Amino acid sequence: MVYITMTTYEIVCKTLTSDQSRIERVGLIESGGSANTASSSATPAQINESISKGHKYFFTNDAGMRVEVDRFENDFIRTKPDGILRGNLRHLRNCRPFS
């Protein structure tokens, strides 16, 4: 029997496209890691592919609540609907430049 390990990642920061119209990359940590610095980054398309393989993504909103992230089209991600407009992924802090 083969066991596949699913990982949960917390999105801790974001980088917008040059025209500020959408999220280009997000900074990630494995759930339970230090949220001060992202340990890796991914594009929305990479996150969508990872979600389709069973991995989970979330971020922590201003109220300290965990908000799950869903796939949305090819190059977009979004939070699960919760009726709150403020506190979505675009409200995350900006990431430092990724190498």
PDB file of N, CA and C in Angstrom:
ATOM      1  N   MET A   1       0.844  -1.170   0.000  1.00  0.00           N
ATOM      2  CA  MET A   1       0.000   0.000   0.000  1.00  0.00           C
ATOM      3  C   MET A   1       0.898   1.244   0.000  1.00  0.00           C
ATOM      4  N   VAL A   2       0.555   2.228  -0.819  1.00  0.00           N
ATOM      5  CA  VAL A   2       1.316   3.471  -0.899  1.00  0.00           C
ATOM      6  C   VAL A   2       0.564   4.559  -0.156  1.00  0.00           C
ATOM      7  N   TYR A   3       1.262   5.241   0.747  1.00  0.00           N
ATOM      8  CA  TYR A   3       0.666   6.349   1.482  1.00  0.00           C
ATOM      9  C   TYR A   3       1.190   7.659   0.911  1.00  0.00           C
ATOM     10  N   ILE A   4       0.293   8.547   0.617  1.00  0.00           N
ATOM     11  CA  ILE A   4       0.674   9.864   0.111  1.00  0.00           C
ATOM     12  C   ILE A   4       0.487  10.858   1.240  1.00  0.00           C
ATOM     13  N   THR A   5       1.521  11.588   1.546  1.00  0.00           N
ATOM     14  CA  THR A   5       1.465  12.574   2.619  1.00  0.00           C
ATOM     15  C   THR A   5       0.950  13.892   2.065  1.00  0.00           C
ATOM     16  N   MET A   6      -0.137  14.357   2.616  1.00  0.00           N
ATOM     17  CA  MET A   6      -0.677  15.660   2.232  1.00  0.00           C
ATOM     18  C   MET A   6      -0.115  16.690   3.193  1.00  0.00           C
ATOM     19  N   THR A   7       0.259  17.807   2.659  1.00  0.00           N
ATOM     20  CA  THR A   7       0.864  18.862   3.462  1.00  0.00           C
ATOM     21  C   THR A   7      -0.071  20.055   3.516  1.00  0.00           C
ATOM     22  N   THR A   8      -0.066  20.745   4.644  1.00  0.00           N
ATOM     23  CA  THR A   8      -0.832  21.975   4.792  1.00  0.00           C
ATOM     24  C   THR A   8       0.151  23.133   4.849  1.00  0.00           C
ATOM     25  N   TYR A   9      -0.124  24.154   4.040  1.00  0.00           N
ATOM     26  CA  TYR A   9       0.734  25.326   3.952  1.00  0.00           C
ATOM     27  C   TYR A   9      -0.033  26.568   4.373  1.00  0.00           C
ATOM     28  N   GLU A  10       0.660  27.462   5.049  1.00  0.00           N
ATOM     29  CA  GLU A  10       0.079  28.754   5.383  1.00  0.00           C
ATOM     30  C   GLU A  10       0.666  29.797   4.441  1.00  0.00           C
ATOM     31  N   ILE A  11      -0.212  30.587   3.834  1.00  0.00           N
ATOM     32  CA  ILE A  11       0.219  31.701   2.993  1.00  0.00           C
ATOM     33  C   ILE A  11       0.424  32.891   3.918  1.00  0.00           C
ATOM     34  N   VAL A  12       1.642  33.451   3.917  1.00  0.00           N
ATOM     35  CA  VAL A  12       1.975  34.497   4.877  1.00  0.00           C
ATOM     36  C   VAL A  12       2.213  35.866   4.254  1.00  0.00           C
ATOM     37  N   CYS A  13       2.382  35.924   2.928  1.00  0.00           N
ATOM     38  CA  CYS A  13       2.596  37.208   2.259  1.00  0.00           C
ATOM     39  C   CYS A  13       2.271  37.051   0.782  1.00  0.00           C
ATOM     40  N   LYS A  14       2.232  38.178   0.085  1.00  0.00           N
ATOM     41  CA  LYS A  14       1.906  38.140  -1.346  1.00  0.00           C
ATOM     42  C   LYS A  14       2.738  39.162  -2.093  1.00  0.00           C
ATOM     43  N   THR A  15       2.900  38.897  -3.396  1.00  0.00           N
ATOM     44  CA  THR A  15       3.518  39.827  -4.328  1.00  0.00           C
ATOM     45  C   THR A  15       2.517  40.038  -5.452  1.00  0.00           C
ATOM     46  N   LEU A  16       2.208  41.281  -5.754  1.00  0.00           N
ATOM     47  CA  LEU A  16       1.264  41.597  -6.827  1.00  0.00           C
ATOM     48  C   LEU A  16       2.007  41.775  -8.139  1.00  0.00           C
ATOM     49  N   THR A  17       1.279  41.652  -9.236  1.00  0.00           N
ATOM     50  CA  THR A  17       1.851  41.921 -10.547  1.00  0.00           C
ATOM     51  C   THR A  17       2.255  43.389 -10.621  1.00  0.00           C
ATOM     52  N   SER A  18       3.057  43.746 -11.619  1.00  0.00           N
ATOM     53  CA  SER A  18       3.558  45.121 -11.727  1.00  0.00           C
ATOM     54  C   SER A  18       2.435  46.147 -11.846  1.00  0.00           C
ATOM     55  N   ASP A  19       1.298  45.761 -12.428  1.00  0.00           N
ATOM     56  CA  ASP A  19       0.177  46.701 -12.531  1.00  0.00           C
ATOM     57  C   ASP A  19      -0.767  46.617 -11.322  1.00  0.00           C
ATOM     58  N   GLN A  20      -0.382  45.811 -10.322  1.00  0.00           N
ATOM     59  CA  GLN A  20      -1.129  45.665  -9.067  1.00  0.00           C
ATOM     60  C   GLN A  20      -2.528  45.059  -9.248  1.00  0.00           C
ATOM     61  N   SER A  21      -2.774  44.380 -10.385  1.00  0.00           N
ATOM     62  CA  SER A  21      -4.119  43.879 -10.674  1.00  0.00           C
ATOM     63  C   SER A  21      -4.413  42.498 -10.096  1.00  0.00           C
ATOM     64  N   ARG A  22      -3.352  41.714  -9.808  1.00  0.00           N
ATOM     65  CA  ARG A  22      -3.596  40.368  -9.271  1.00  0.00           C
ATOM     66  C   ARG A  22      -2.366  39.873  -8.532  1.00  0.00           C
ATOM     67  N   ILE A  23      -2.548  38.789  -7.807  1.00  0.00           N
ATOM     68  CA  ILE A  23      -1.447  38.181  -7.057  1.00  0.00           C
ATOM     69  C   ILE A  23      -0.561  37.398  -8.026  1.00  0.00           C
ATOM     70  N   GLU A  24       0.732  37.707  -7.989  1.00  0.00           N
ATOM     71  CA  GLU A  24       1.698  37.019  -8.846  1.00  0.00           C
ATOM     72  C   GLU A  24       2.310  35.807  -8.133  1.00  0.00           C
ATOM     73  N   ARG A  25       2.696  35.971  -6.875  1.00  0.00           N
ATOM     74  CA  ARG A  25       3.285  34.907  -6.058  1.00  0.00           C
ATOM     75  C   ARG A  25       2.835  35.099  -4.626  1.00  0.00           C
ATOM     76  N   VAL A  26       2.882  34.021  -3.872  1.00  0.00           N
ATOM     77  CA  VAL A  26       2.638  34.099  -2.437  1.00  0.00           C
ATOM     78  C   VAL A  26       3.795  33.428  -1.718  1.00  0.00           C
ATOM     79  N   GLY A  27       4.061  33.902  -0.504  1.00  0.00           N
ATOM     80  CA  GLY A  27       5.067  33.282   0.344  1.00  0.00           C
ATOM     81  C   GLY A  27       4.408  32.248   1.231  1.00  0.00           C
ATOM     82  N   LEU A  28       5.068  31.125   1.427  1.00  0.00           N
ATOM     83  CA  LEU A  28       4.493  29.981   2.136  1.00  0.00           C
ATOM     84  C   LEU A  28       5.381  29.506   3.273  1.00  0.00           C
ATOM     85  N   ILE A  29       4.746  28.919   4.260  1.00  0.00           N
ATOM     86  CA  ILE A  29       5.430  28.118   5.272  1.00  0.00           C
ATOM     87  C   ILE A  29       4.608  26.851   5.457  1.00  0.00           C
ATOM     88  N   GLU A  30       5.260  25.775   5.848  1.00  0.00           N
ATOM     89  CA  GLU A  30       4.492  24.584   6.198  1.00  0.00           C
ATOM     90  C   GLU A  30       3.767  24.886   7.487  1.00  0.00           C
ATOM     91  N   SER A  31       2.545  24.412   7.615  1.00  0.00           N
ATOM     92  CA  SER A  31       1.733  24.677   8.792  1.00  0.00           C
ATOM     93  C   SER A  31       2.509  24.328  10.053  1.00  0.00           C
ATOM     94  N   GLY A  32       2.514  25.268  10.989  1.00  0.00           N
ATOM     95  CA  GLY A  32       3.228  25.068  12.236  1.00  0.00           C
ATOM     96  C   GLY A  32       4.595  25.721  12.263  1.00  0.00           C
ATOM     97  N   GLY A  33       5.065  26.218  11.099  1.00  0.00           N
ATOM     98  CA  GLY A  33       6.362  26.885  11.044  1.00  0.00           C
ATOM     99  C   GLY A  33       6.255  28.330  11.507  1.00  0.00           C
ATOM    100  N   SER A  34       7.368  29.018  11.531  1.00  0.00           N
ATOM    101  CA  SER A  34       7.393  30.417  11.932  1.00  0.00           C
ATOM    102  C   SER A  34       6.829  31.289  10.826  1.00  0.00           C
ATOM    103  N   ALA A  35       5.824  32.113  11.153  1.00  0.00           N
ATOM    104  CA  ALA A  35       5.169  32.949  10.148  1.00  0.00           C
ATOM    105  C   ALA A  35       5.935  34.226   9.864  1.00  0.00           C
ATOM    106  N   ASN A  36       7.087  34.425  10.482  1.00  0.00           N
ATOM    107  CA  ASN A  36       7.842  35.651  10.261  1.00  0.00           C
ATOM    108  C   ASN A  36       8.447  35.730   8.862  1.00  0.00           C
ATOM    109  N   THR A  37       8.884  34.627   8.321  1.00  0.00           N
ATOM    110  CA  THR A  37       9.533  34.616   7.016  1.00  0.00           C
ATOM    111  C   THR A  37       9.036  33.432   6.201  1.00  0.00           C
ATOM    112  N   ALA A  38       8.675  33.701   4.957  1.00  0.00           N
ATOM    113  CA  ALA A  38       8.260  32.622   4.068  1.00  0.00           C
ATOM    114  C   ALA A  38       9.454  31.722   3.775  1.00  0.00           C
ATOM    115  N   SER A  39       9.225  30.415   3.786  1.00  0.00           N
ATOM    116  CA  SER A  39      10.304  29.475   3.485  1.00  0.00           C
ATOM    117  C   SER A  39      10.321  29.076   2.015  1.00  0.00           C
ATOM    118  N   SER A  40       9.239  29.388   1.297  1.00  0.00           N
ATOM    119  CA  SER A  40       9.168  29.119  -0.140  1.00  0.00           C
ATOM    120  C   SER A  40       8.105  30.026  -0.737  1.00  0.00           C
ATOM    121  N   SER A  41       7.986  29.987  -2.053  1.00  0.00           N
ATOM    122  CA  SER A  41       6.957  30.787  -2.721  1.00  0.00           C
ATOM    123  C   SER A  41       6.348  29.968  -3.847  1.00  0.00           C
ATOM    124  N   ALA A  42       5.173  30.394  -4.292  1.00  0.00           N
ATOM    125  CA  ALA A  42       4.491  29.698  -5.379  1.00  0.00           C
ATOM    126  C   ALA A  42       3.584  30.667  -6.111  1.00  0.00           C
ATOM    127  N   THR A  43       3.332  30.377  -7.365  1.00  0.00           N
ATOM    128  CA  THR A  43       2.366  31.138  -8.141  1.00  0.00           C
ATOM    129  C   THR A  43       0.979  30.562  -7.882  1.00  0.00           C
ATOM    130  N   PRO A  44      -0.068  31.313  -8.172  1.00  0.00           N
ATOM    131  CA  PRO A  44      -1.411  30.742  -8.039  1.00  0.00           C
ATOM    132  C   PRO A  44      -1.598  29.455  -8.859  1.00  0.00           C
ATOM    133  N   ALA A  45      -1.019  29.389 -10.056  1.00  0.00           N
ATOM    134  CA  ALA A  45      -1.145  28.172 -10.868  1.00  0.00           C
ATOM    135  C   ALA A  45      -0.495  26.980 -10.167  1.00  0.00           C
ATOM    136  N   GLN A  46       0.666  27.193  -9.535  1.00  0.00           N
ATOM    137  CA  GLN A  46       1.330  26.108  -8.802  1.00  0.00           C
ATOM    138  C   GLN A  46       0.501  25.674  -7.595  1.00  0.00           C
ATOM    139  N   ILE A  47      -0.125  26.623  -6.920  1.00  0.00           N
ATOM    140  CA  ILE A  47      -0.974  26.283  -5.779  1.00  0.00           C
ATOM    141  C   ILE A  47      -2.188  25.497  -6.250  1.00  0.00           C
ATOM    142  N   ASN A  48      -2.806  25.895  -7.348  1.00  0.00           N
ATOM    143  CA  ASN A  48      -3.950  25.158  -7.885  1.00  0.00           C
ATOM    144  C   ASN A  48      -3.581  23.709  -8.189  1.00  0.00           C
ATOM    145  N   GLU A  49      -2.424  23.506  -8.790  1.00  0.00           N
ATOM    146  CA  GLU A  49      -1.973  22.150  -9.097  1.00  0.00           C
ATOM    147  C   GLU A  49      -1.763  21.355  -7.803  1.00  0.00           C
ATOM    148  N   SER A  50      -1.172  21.989  -6.813  1.00  0.00           N
ATOM    149  CA  SER A  50      -0.929  21.333  -5.530  1.00  0.00           C
ATOM    150  C   SER A  50      -2.240  20.989  -4.822  1.00  0.00           C
ATOM    151  N   ILE A  51      -3.215  21.903  -4.853  1.00  0.00           N
ATOM    152  CA  ILE A  51      -4.533  21.630  -4.249  1.00  0.00           C
ATOM    153  C   ILE A  51      -5.190  20.437  -4.936  1.00  0.00           C
ATOM    154  N   SER A  52      -5.050  20.356  -6.269  1.00  0.00           N
ATOM    155  CA  SER A  52      -5.666  19.241  -7.000  1.00  0.00           C
ATOM    156  C   SER A  52      -5.046  17.899  -6.603  1.00  0.00           C
ATOM    157  N   LYS A  53      -3.846  17.932  -6.017  1.00  0.00           N
ATOM    158  CA  LYS A  53      -3.175  16.714  -5.548  1.00  0.00           C
ATOM    159  C   LYS A  53      -3.467  16.437  -4.074  1.00  0.00           C
ATOM    160  N   GLY A  54      -4.316  17.271  -3.447  1.00  0.00           N
ATOM    161  CA  GLY A  54      -4.742  17.013  -2.079  1.00  0.00           C
ATOM    162  C   GLY A  54      -4.088  17.859  -1.005  1.00  0.00           C
ATOM    163  N   HIS A  55      -3.134  18.717  -1.370  1.00  0.00           N
ATOM    164  CA  HIS A  55      -2.507  19.579  -0.369  1.00  0.00           C
ATOM    165  C   HIS A  55      -3.474  20.697   0.005  1.00  0.00           C
ATOM    166  N   LYS A  56      -3.299  21.252   1.188  1.00  0.00           N
ATOM    167  CA  LYS A  56      -4.196  22.290   1.710  1.00  0.00           C
ATOM    168  C   LYS A  56      -3.432  23.597   1.886  1.00  0.00           C
ATOM    169  N   TYR A  57      -4.147  24.711   1.709  1.00  0.00           N
ATOM    170  CA  TYR A  57      -3.584  26.043   1.883  1.00  0.00           C
ATOM    171  C   TYR A  57      -4.560  26.892   2.685  1.00  0.00           C
ATOM    172  N   PHE A  58      -4.017  27.776   3.519  1.00  0.00           N
ATOM    173  CA  PHE A  58      -4.851  28.695   4.279  1.00  0.00           C
ATOM    174  C   PHE A  58      -4.037  29.939   4.582  1.00  0.00           C
ATOM    175  N   PHE A  59      -4.693  30.958   5.072  1.00  0.00           N
ATOM    176  CA  PHE A  59      -4.000  32.092   5.650  1.00  0.00           C
ATOM    177  C   PHE A  59      -4.747  32.484   6.901  1.00  0.00           C
ATOM    178  N   THR A  60      -4.111  33.290   7.743  1.00  0.00           N
ATOM    179  CA  THR A  60      -4.725  33.735   8.981  1.00  0.00           C
ATOM    180  C   THR A  60      -5.138  35.189   8.804  1.00  0.00           C
ATOM    181  N   ASN A  61      -6.432  35.474   8.990  1.00  0.00           N
ATOM    182  CA  ASN A  61      -6.925  36.839   8.764  1.00  0.00           C
ATOM    183  C   ASN A  61      -6.622  37.738   9.962  1.00  0.00           C
ATOM    184  N   ASP A  62      -7.009  39.005   9.841  1.00  0.00           N
ATOM    185  CA  ASP A  62      -6.730  39.992  10.884  1.00  0.00           C
ATOM    186  C   ASP A  62      -7.326  39.613  12.239  1.00  0.00           C
ATOM    187  N   ALA A  63      -8.413  38.850  12.229  1.00  0.00           N
ATOM    188  CA  ALA A  63      -9.057  38.436  13.480  1.00  0.00           C
ATOM    189  C   ALA A  63      -8.424  37.175  14.064  1.00  0.00           C
ATOM    190  N   GLY A  64      -7.367  36.669  13.401  1.00  0.00           N
ATOM    191  CA  GLY A  64      -6.693  35.468  13.884  1.00  0.00           C
ATOM    192  C   GLY A  64      -7.372  34.174  13.477  1.00  0.00           C
ATOM    193  N   MET A  65      -8.332  34.266  12.560  1.00  0.00           N
ATOM    194  CA  MET A  65      -9.051  33.073  12.107  1.00  0.00           C
ATOM    195  C   MET A  65      -8.372  32.461  10.885  1.00  0.00           C
ATOM    196  N   ARG A  66      -8.355  31.159  10.849  1.00  0.00           N
ATOM    197  CA  ARG A  66      -7.808  30.425   9.710  1.00  0.00           C
ATOM    198  C   ARG A  66      -8.840  30.427   8.584  1.00  0.00           C
ATOM    199  N   VAL A  67      -8.416  30.844   7.385  1.00  0.00           N
ATOM    200  CA  VAL A  67      -9.298  30.902   6.221  1.00  0.00           C
ATOM    201  C   VAL A  67      -8.703  30.012   5.134  1.00  0.00           C
ATOM    202  N   GLU A  68      -9.467  29.012   4.701  1.00  0.00           N
ATOM    203  CA  GLU A  68      -9.008  28.073   3.686  1.00  0.00           C
ATOM    204  C   GLU A  68      -8.951  28.741   2.312  1.00  0.00           C
ATOM    205  N   VAL A  69      -8.048  28.261   1.474  1.00  0.00           N
ATOM    206  CA  VAL A  69      -7.864  28.778   0.119  1.00  0.00           C
ATOM    207  C   VAL A  69      -8.344  27.721  -0.868  1.00  0.00           C
ATOM    208  N   ASP A  70      -9.074  28.155  -1.889  1.00  0.00           N
ATOM    209  CA  ASP A  70      -9.613  27.274  -2.934  1.00  0.00           C
ATOM    210  C   ASP A  70      -8.964  27.556  -4.278  1.00  0.00           C
ATOM    211  N   ARG A  71      -9.039  26.574  -5.152  1.00  0.00           N
ATOM    212  CA  ARG A  71      -8.664  26.779  -6.557  1.00  0.00           C
ATOM    213  C   ARG A  71      -9.689  27.709  -7.185  1.00  0.00           C
ATOM    214  N   PHE A  72      -9.241  28.499  -8.151  1.00  0.00           N
ATOM    215  CA  PHE A  72     -10.168  29.373  -8.867  1.00  0.00           C
ATOM    216  C   PHE A  72      -9.565  29.680 -10.224  1.00  0.00           C
ATOM    217  N   GLU A  73     -10.101  29.065 -11.247  1.00  0.00           N
ATOM    218  CA  GLU A  73      -9.583  29.197 -12.613  1.00  0.00           C
ATOM    219  C   GLU A  73      -8.125  28.774 -12.652  1.00  0.00           C
ATOM    220  N   ASN A  74      -7.429  29.050 -13.735  1.00  0.00           N
ATOM    221  CA  ASN A  74      -6.057  28.560 -13.896  1.00  0.00           C
ATOM    222  C   ASN A  74      -5.029  29.332 -13.085  1.00  0.00           C
ATOM    223  N   ASP A  75      -5.076  30.639 -13.164  1.00  0.00           N
ATOM    224  CA  ASP A  75      -4.015  31.451 -12.564  1.00  0.00           C
ATOM    225  C   ASP A  75      -4.484  32.255 -11.360  1.00  0.00           C
ATOM    226  N   PHE A  76      -5.558  31.820 -10.711  1.00  0.00           N
ATOM    227  CA  PHE A  76      -6.096  32.560  -9.580  1.00  0.00           C
ATOM    228  C   PHE A  76      -6.389  31.617  -8.426  1.00  0.00           C
ATOM    229  N   ILE A  77      -6.284  32.135  -7.228  1.00  0.00           N
ATOM    230  CA  ILE A  77      -6.721  31.430  -6.032  1.00  0.00           C
ATOM    231  C   ILE A  77      -7.642  32.377  -5.265  1.00  0.00           C
ATOM    232  N   ARG A  78      -8.462  31.828  -4.394  1.00  0.00           N
ATOM    233  CA  ARG A  78      -9.340  32.674  -3.583  1.00  0.00           C
ATOM    234  C   ARG A  78      -9.611  31.977  -2.259  1.00  0.00           C
ATOM    235  N   THR A  79     -10.091  32.763  -1.319  1.00  0.00           N
ATOM    236  CA  THR A  79     -10.455  32.185  -0.033  1.00  0.00           C
ATOM    237  C   THR A  79     -11.851  31.597  -0.142  1.00  0.00           C
ATOM    238  N   LYS A  80     -12.139  30.641   0.726  1.00  0.00           N
ATOM    239  CA  LYS A  80     -13.498  30.097   0.770  1.00  0.00           C
ATOM    240  C   LYS A  80     -14.426  31.225   1.182  1.00  0.00           C
ATOM    241  N   PRO A  81     -15.590  31.330   0.570  1.00  0.00           N
ATOM    242  CA  PRO A  81     -16.517  32.411   0.910  1.00  0.00           C
ATOM    243  C   PRO A  81     -16.885  32.409   2.386  1.00  0.00           C
ATOM    244  N   ASP A  82     -16.731  33.583   3.017  1.00  0.00           N
ATOM    245  CA  ASP A  82     -17.093  33.699   4.430  1.00  0.00           C
ATOM    246  C   ASP A  82     -17.892  34.966   4.699  1.00  0.00           C
ATOM    247  N   GLY A  83     -18.240  35.696   3.625  1.00  0.00           N
ATOM    248  CA  GLY A  83     -19.048  36.895   3.782  1.00  0.00           C
ATOM    249  C   GLY A  83     -18.278  38.117   4.235  1.00  0.00           C
ATOM    250  N   ILE A  84     -16.955  37.989   4.370  1.00  0.00           N
ATOM    251  CA  ILE A  84     -16.136  39.119   4.803  1.00  0.00           C
ATOM    252  C   ILE A  84     -15.245  39.543   3.643  1.00  0.00           C
ATOM    253  N   LEU A  85     -15.391  40.786   3.186  1.00  0.00           N
ATOM    254  CA  LEU A  85     -14.582  41.255   2.077  1.00  0.00           C
ATOM    255  C   LEU A  85     -13.175  41.640   2.525  1.00  0.00           C
ATOM    256  N   ARG A  86     -13.072  42.342   3.640  1.00  0.00           N
ATOM    257  CA  ARG A  86     -11.763  42.743   4.163  1.00  0.00           C
ATOM    258  C   ARG A  86     -11.113  41.505   4.779  1.00  0.00           C
ATOM    259  N   GLY A  87      -9.833  41.401   4.626  1.00  0.00           N
ATOM    260  CA  GLY A  87      -9.144  40.252   5.212  1.00  0.00           C
ATOM    261  C   GLY A  87      -8.993  39.109   4.239  1.00  0.00           C
ATOM    262  N   ASN A  88      -8.997  39.406   2.941  1.00  0.00           N
ATOM    263  CA  ASN A  88      -8.753  38.339   1.979  1.00  0.00           C
ATOM    264  C   ASN A  88      -7.263  38.304   1.629  1.00  0.00           C
ATOM    265  N   LEU A  89      -6.878  37.509   0.653  1.00  0.00           N
ATOM    266  CA  LEU A  89      -5.466  37.335   0.319  1.00  0.00           C
ATOM    267  C   LEU A  89      -4.773  38.636  -0.081  1.00  0.00           C
ATOM    268  N   ARG A  90      -5.478  39.554  -0.721  1.00  0.00           N
ATOM    269  CA  ARG A  90      -4.852  40.819  -1.133  1.00  0.00           C
ATOM    270  C   ARG A  90      -4.499  41.693   0.061  1.00  0.00           C
ATOM    271  N   HIS A  91      -5.044  41.408   1.227  1.00  0.00           N
ATOM    272  CA  HIS A  91      -4.742  42.199   2.413  1.00  0.00           C
ATOM    273  C   HIS A  91      -3.542  41.656   3.199  1.00  0.00           C
ATOM    274  N   LEU A  92      -2.944  40.584   2.724  1.00  0.00           N
ATOM    275  CA  LEU A  92      -1.726  40.080   3.354  1.00  0.00           C
ATOM    276  C   LEU A  92      -0.591  41.081   3.165  1.00  0.00           C
ATOM    277  N   ARG A  93       0.383  41.001   4.038  1.00  0.00           N
ATOM    278  CA  ARG A  93       1.549  41.889   3.884  1.00  0.00           C
ATOM    279  C   ARG A  93       2.284  41.549   2.588  1.00  0.00           C
ATOM    280  N   ASN A  94       3.033  42.508   2.079  1.00  0.00           N
ATOM    281  CA  ASN A  94       3.838  42.277   0.890  1.00  0.00           C
ATOM    282  C   ASN A  94       5.060  41.436   1.254  1.00  0.00           C
ATOM    283  N   CYS A  95       5.418  40.530   0.377  1.00  0.00           N
ATOM    284  CA  CYS A  95       6.616  39.702   0.589  1.00  0.00           C
ATOM    285  C   CYS A  95       7.865  40.509   0.254  1.00  0.00           C
ATOM    286  N   ARG A  96       8.935  40.125   0.881  1.00  0.00           N
ATOM    287  CA  ARG A  96      10.239  40.616   0.444  1.00  0.00           C
ATOM    288  C   ARG A  96      10.505  39.972  -0.906  1.00  0.00           C
ATOM    289  N   PRO A  97      11.358  40.572  -1.744  1.00  0.00           N
ATOM    290  CA  PRO A  97      11.645  39.948  -3.058  1.00  0.00           C
ATOM    291  C   PRO A  97      12.136  38.507  -2.905  1.00  0.00           C
ATOM    292  N   PHE A  98      11.624  37.639  -3.765  1.00  0.00           N
ATOM    293  CA  PHE A  98      12.041  36.239  -3.768  1.00  0.00           C
ATOM    294  C   PHE A  98      13.287  36.093  -4.637  1.00  0.00           C
ATOM    295  N   SER A  99      14.187  35.217  -4.224  1.00  0.00           N
ATOM    296  CA  SER A  99      15.391  34.996  -5.033  1.00  0.00           C
ATOM    297  C   SER A  99      15.128  33.996  -6.115  1.00  0.00           C
TER     298      SER A  99
END
